[in-house]
Amino acid sequence: MPLWFDLLRTPMAAPETRALRHMRLAWQSLCLSVALVVGFFGQVHHALGRGAACLAMALLVAAGLQTWLYLRQKNAADNAFLERTGEAD
């Protein structure tokens, strides 16, 4: 079977619910915030002093936690969708 045909038969992901959309947007915002704090750490450190490191760490922990929660919810939604459509392995 040609690769393109095999890829066509790959099951689709579940439609994104409102809750998953909010989680994804929160995750993207956290990632952008981490990037901005790291990219402009000198300026943030100048403005906040020793609190800049705490801010960076808090954002990293929040982004990691949000990633874990989002991936867990997304996988559960995808698995439930595949079971409903009969495409589960």
N, C-alpha and C. Protein backbone atom coordinates (compact mmCIF):
# COMPACT_ATOMS: atom_id res chain seq x y z
N MET A 1 0.85 -1.17 0.00
CA MET A 1 0.00 0.00 0.00
C MET A 1 0.91 1.24 0.00
N PRO A 2 0.62 2.19 -0.86
CA PRO A 2 1.43 3.41 -0.89
C PRO A 2 1.33 4.18 0.44
N LEU A 3 2.39 4.91 0.76
CA LEU A 3 2.43 5.65 2.02
C LEU A 3 1.30 6.68 2.11
N TRP A 4 1.01 7.39 1.01
CA TRP A 4 -0.03 8.41 1.06
C TRP A 4 -1.38 7.80 1.38
N PHE A 5 -1.63 6.58 0.88
CA PHE A 5 -2.91 5.93 1.15
C PHE A 5 -2.98 5.47 2.60
N ASP A 6 -1.85 4.99 3.12
CA ASP A 6 -1.80 4.58 4.52
C ASP A 6 -2.04 5.78 5.43
N LEU A 7 -1.46 6.93 5.07
CA LEU A 7 -1.67 8.14 5.87
C LEU A 7 -3.11 8.63 5.79
N LEU A 8 -3.75 8.42 4.65
CA LEU A 8 -5.15 8.81 4.50
C LEU A 8 -6.04 8.01 5.44
N ARG A 9 -5.67 6.79 5.70
CA ARG A 9 -6.48 5.91 6.54
C ARG A 9 -6.20 6.12 8.03
N THR A 10 -5.25 6.98 8.37
CA THR A 10 -4.95 7.25 9.77
C THR A 10 -6.16 7.90 10.43
N PRO A 11 -6.57 7.40 11.59
CA PRO A 11 -7.75 8.00 12.24
C PRO A 11 -7.51 9.46 12.61
N MET A 12 -8.56 10.21 12.54
CA MET A 12 -8.49 11.63 12.86
C MET A 12 -8.59 11.81 14.38
N ALA A 13 -8.17 12.96 14.83
CA ALA A 13 -8.28 13.29 16.26
C ALA A 13 -9.71 13.71 16.56
N ALA A 14 -10.03 13.67 17.83
CA ALA A 14 -11.37 14.06 18.26
C ALA A 14 -11.57 15.56 18.03
N PRO A 15 -12.81 15.96 17.77
CA PRO A 15 -13.08 17.40 17.67
C PRO A 15 -12.73 18.08 18.99
N GLU A 16 -12.21 19.28 18.90
CA GLU A 16 -11.77 19.99 20.09
C GLU A 16 -12.96 20.59 20.83
N THR A 17 -13.09 20.21 22.09
CA THR A 17 -14.16 20.76 22.91
C THR A 17 -13.77 22.14 23.42
N ARG A 18 -14.73 22.84 23.99
CA ARG A 18 -14.45 24.17 24.52
C ARG A 18 -13.42 24.10 25.65
N ALA A 19 -13.55 23.08 26.51
CA ALA A 19 -12.60 22.94 27.62
C ALA A 19 -11.19 22.65 27.11
N LEU A 20 -11.07 21.78 26.10
CA LEU A 20 -9.75 21.49 25.54
C LEU A 20 -9.17 22.71 24.85
N ARG A 21 -10.01 23.49 24.21
CA ARG A 21 -9.54 24.71 23.55
C ARG A 21 -8.98 25.69 24.57
N HIS A 22 -9.68 25.85 25.69
CA HIS A 22 -9.20 26.75 26.75
C HIS A 22 -7.88 26.24 27.33
N MET A 23 -7.78 24.93 27.52
CA MET A 23 -6.54 24.36 28.04
C MET A 23 -5.39 24.58 27.07
N ARG A 24 -5.67 24.40 25.77
CA ARG A 24 -4.63 24.61 24.76
C ARG A 24 -4.18 26.06 24.71
N LEU A 25 -5.12 26.97 24.76
CA LEU A 25 -4.77 28.39 24.74
C LEU A 25 -4.00 28.80 25.99
N ALA A 26 -4.38 28.24 27.14
CA ALA A 26 -3.64 28.52 28.37
C ALA A 26 -2.22 27.98 28.26
N TRP A 27 -2.07 26.79 27.70
CA TRP A 27 -0.74 26.19 27.51
C TRP A 27 0.11 27.06 26.58
N GLN A 28 -0.48 27.51 25.48
CA GLN A 28 0.26 28.36 24.55
C GLN A 28 0.66 29.68 25.22
N SER A 29 -0.21 30.23 26.02
CA SER A 29 0.10 31.47 26.72
C SER A 29 1.24 31.27 27.72
N LEU A 30 1.21 30.15 28.42
CA LEU A 30 2.29 29.86 29.36
C LEU A 30 3.62 29.68 28.64
N CYS A 31 3.60 28.97 27.52
CA CYS A 31 4.83 28.78 26.75
C CYS A 31 5.38 30.12 26.24
N LEU A 32 4.49 30.98 25.77
CA LEU A 32 4.92 32.30 25.31
C LEU A 32 5.47 33.12 26.47
N SER A 33 4.84 33.03 27.63
CA SER A 33 5.32 33.75 28.80
C SER A 33 6.70 33.28 29.23
N VAL A 34 6.92 31.97 29.21
CA VAL A 34 8.24 31.43 29.54
C VAL A 34 9.28 31.96 28.56
N ALA A 35 8.94 31.93 27.28
CA ALA A 35 9.88 32.41 26.26
C ALA A 35 10.20 33.89 26.46
N LEU A 36 9.21 34.70 26.78
CA LEU A 36 9.45 36.12 26.98
C LEU A 36 10.29 36.39 28.23
N VAL A 37 10.00 35.68 29.31
CA VAL A 37 10.78 35.88 30.53
C VAL A 37 12.22 35.45 30.33
N VAL A 38 12.41 34.31 29.66
CA VAL A 38 13.78 33.84 29.40
C VAL A 38 14.48 34.78 28.42
N GLY A 39 13.78 35.20 27.38
CA GLY A 39 14.38 36.07 26.37
C GLY A 39 14.75 37.45 26.89
N PHE A 40 13.95 37.95 27.80
CA PHE A 40 14.19 39.28 28.35
C PHE A 40 14.53 39.20 29.84
N PHE A 41 15.26 38.15 30.22
CA PHE A 41 15.52 37.94 31.64
C PHE A 41 16.30 39.10 32.26
N GLY A 42 17.20 39.69 31.49
CA GLY A 42 17.96 40.82 32.03
C GLY A 42 17.07 41.97 32.44
N GLN A 43 16.13 42.31 31.58
CA GLN A 43 15.20 43.39 31.88
C GLN A 43 14.25 43.02 33.03
N VAL A 44 13.78 41.76 33.01
CA VAL A 44 12.87 41.30 34.07
C VAL A 44 13.61 41.29 35.41
N HIS A 45 14.87 40.85 35.38
CA HIS A 45 15.67 40.82 36.61
C HIS A 45 15.91 42.24 37.12
N HIS A 46 16.14 43.15 36.22
CA HIS A 46 16.34 44.55 36.61
C HIS A 46 15.08 45.12 37.26
N ALA A 47 13.91 44.73 36.72
CA ALA A 47 12.65 45.26 37.24
C ALA A 47 12.21 44.57 38.54
N LEU A 48 12.42 43.26 38.64
CA LEU A 48 11.91 42.50 39.78
C LEU A 48 12.97 42.08 40.78
N GLY A 49 14.21 42.19 40.40
CA GLY A 49 15.28 41.75 41.29
C GLY A 49 15.30 40.24 41.43
N ARG A 50 15.42 39.78 42.68
CA ARG A 50 15.50 38.34 42.92
C ARG A 50 14.20 37.62 42.60
N GLY A 51 13.13 38.34 42.49
CA GLY A 51 11.84 37.74 42.16
C GLY A 51 11.76 37.24 40.73
N ALA A 52 12.67 37.68 39.88
CA ALA A 52 12.65 37.25 38.48
C ALA A 52 12.88 35.75 38.36
N ALA A 53 13.80 35.23 39.16
CA ALA A 53 14.06 33.79 39.12
C ALA A 53 12.85 33.01 39.60
N CYS A 54 12.18 33.52 40.62
CA CYS A 54 10.97 32.86 41.12
C CYS A 54 9.86 32.89 40.07
N LEU A 55 9.73 34.01 39.39
CA LEU A 55 8.74 34.12 38.33
C LEU A 55 9.04 33.12 37.21
N ALA A 56 10.29 33.04 36.79
CA ALA A 56 10.67 32.10 35.73
C ALA A 56 10.39 30.67 36.17
N MET A 57 10.74 30.33 37.39
CA MET A 57 10.50 28.97 37.88
C MET A 57 9.01 28.67 37.98
N ALA A 58 8.23 29.62 38.46
CA ALA A 58 6.78 29.42 38.57
C ALA A 58 6.15 29.21 37.19
N LEU A 59 6.60 29.98 36.20
CA LEU A 59 6.08 29.80 34.85
C LEU A 59 6.47 28.45 34.27
N LEU A 60 7.71 28.02 34.52
CA LEU A 60 8.15 26.71 34.03
C LEU A 60 7.35 25.58 34.67
N VAL A 61 7.13 25.66 35.96
CA VAL A 61 6.35 24.63 36.64
C VAL A 61 4.90 24.64 36.14
N ALA A 62 4.32 25.81 36.01
CA ALA A 62 2.94 25.92 35.52
C ALA A 62 2.82 25.39 34.10
N ALA A 63 3.80 25.69 33.24
CA ALA A 63 3.76 25.19 31.87
C ALA A 63 3.90 23.67 31.84
N GLY A 64 4.76 23.13 32.69
CA GLY A 64 4.91 21.68 32.75
C GLY A 64 3.65 20.99 33.24
N LEU A 65 3.03 21.55 34.26
CA LEU A 65 1.79 20.99 34.78
C LEU A 65 0.66 21.10 33.76
N GLN A 66 0.56 22.23 33.11
CA GLN A 66 -0.47 22.41 32.09
C GLN A 66 -0.26 21.45 30.92
N THR A 67 0.99 21.22 30.54
CA THR A 67 1.28 20.27 29.47
C THR A 67 0.80 18.89 29.85
N TRP A 68 1.12 18.46 31.07
CA TRP A 68 0.72 17.13 31.52
C TRP A 68 -0.81 17.01 31.55
N LEU A 69 -1.50 18.01 32.12
CA LEU A 69 -2.96 17.97 32.19
C LEU A 69 -3.59 17.97 30.80
N TYR A 70 -3.09 18.82 29.93
CA TYR A 70 -3.67 18.92 28.59
C TYR A 70 -3.48 17.62 27.81
N LEU A 71 -2.27 17.07 27.85
CA LEU A 71 -2.03 15.83 27.11
C LEU A 71 -2.86 14.68 27.65
N ARG A 72 -3.05 14.64 28.96
CA ARG A 72 -3.89 13.59 29.55
C ARG A 72 -5.33 13.73 29.08
N GLN A 73 -5.87 14.95 29.11
CA GLN A 73 -7.25 15.17 28.68
C GLN A 73 -7.41 14.94 27.17
N LYS A 74 -6.43 15.39 26.40
CA LYS A 74 -6.50 15.23 24.95
C LYS A 74 -6.45 13.76 24.56
N ASN A 75 -5.56 12.99 25.17
CA ASN A 75 -5.50 11.56 24.88
C ASN A 75 -6.79 10.85 25.25
N ALA A 76 -7.38 11.21 26.39
CA ALA A 76 -8.65 10.60 26.80
C ALA A 76 -9.75 10.94 25.79
N ALA A 77 -9.80 12.19 25.34
CA ALA A 77 -10.82 12.59 24.36
C ALA A 77 -10.60 11.87 23.03
N ASP A 78 -9.35 11.76 22.58
CA ASP A 78 -9.06 11.06 21.33
C ASP A 78 -9.41 9.58 21.42
N ASN A 79 -9.06 8.95 22.54
CA ASN A 79 -9.38 7.52 22.71
C ASN A 79 -10.88 7.29 22.74
N ALA A 80 -11.61 8.14 23.43
CA ALA A 80 -13.07 8.01 23.48
C ALA A 80 -13.67 8.22 22.09
N PHE A 81 -13.15 9.18 21.35
CA PHE A 81 -13.64 9.44 19.99
C PHE A 81 -13.38 8.25 19.09
N LEU A 82 -12.19 7.67 19.17
CA LEU A 82 -11.86 6.52 18.34
C LEU A 82 -12.71 5.30 18.70
N GLU A 83 -13.01 5.13 19.96
CA GLU A 83 -13.88 4.02 20.37
C GLU A 83 -15.29 4.22 19.84
N ARG A 84 -15.78 5.46 19.89
CA ARG A 84 -17.14 5.74 19.38
C ARG A 84 -17.23 5.51 17.88
N THR A 85 -16.17 5.85 17.16
CA THR A 85 -16.21 5.70 15.71
C THR A 85 -15.79 4.31 15.25
N GLY A 86 -15.34 3.48 16.19
CA GLY A 86 -14.94 2.12 15.84
C GLY A 86 -13.57 2.01 15.22
N GLU A 87 -12.73 3.01 15.39
CA GLU A 87 -11.39 2.98 14.81
C GLU A 87 -10.31 2.69 15.82
N ALA A 88 -10.69 2.32 17.05
CA ALA A 88 -9.68 2.01 18.08
C ALA A 88 -8.98 0.71 17.73
N ASP A 89 -7.72 0.63 18.11
CA ASP A 89 -6.97 -0.60 17.83
C ASP A 89 -7.38 -1.71 18.75
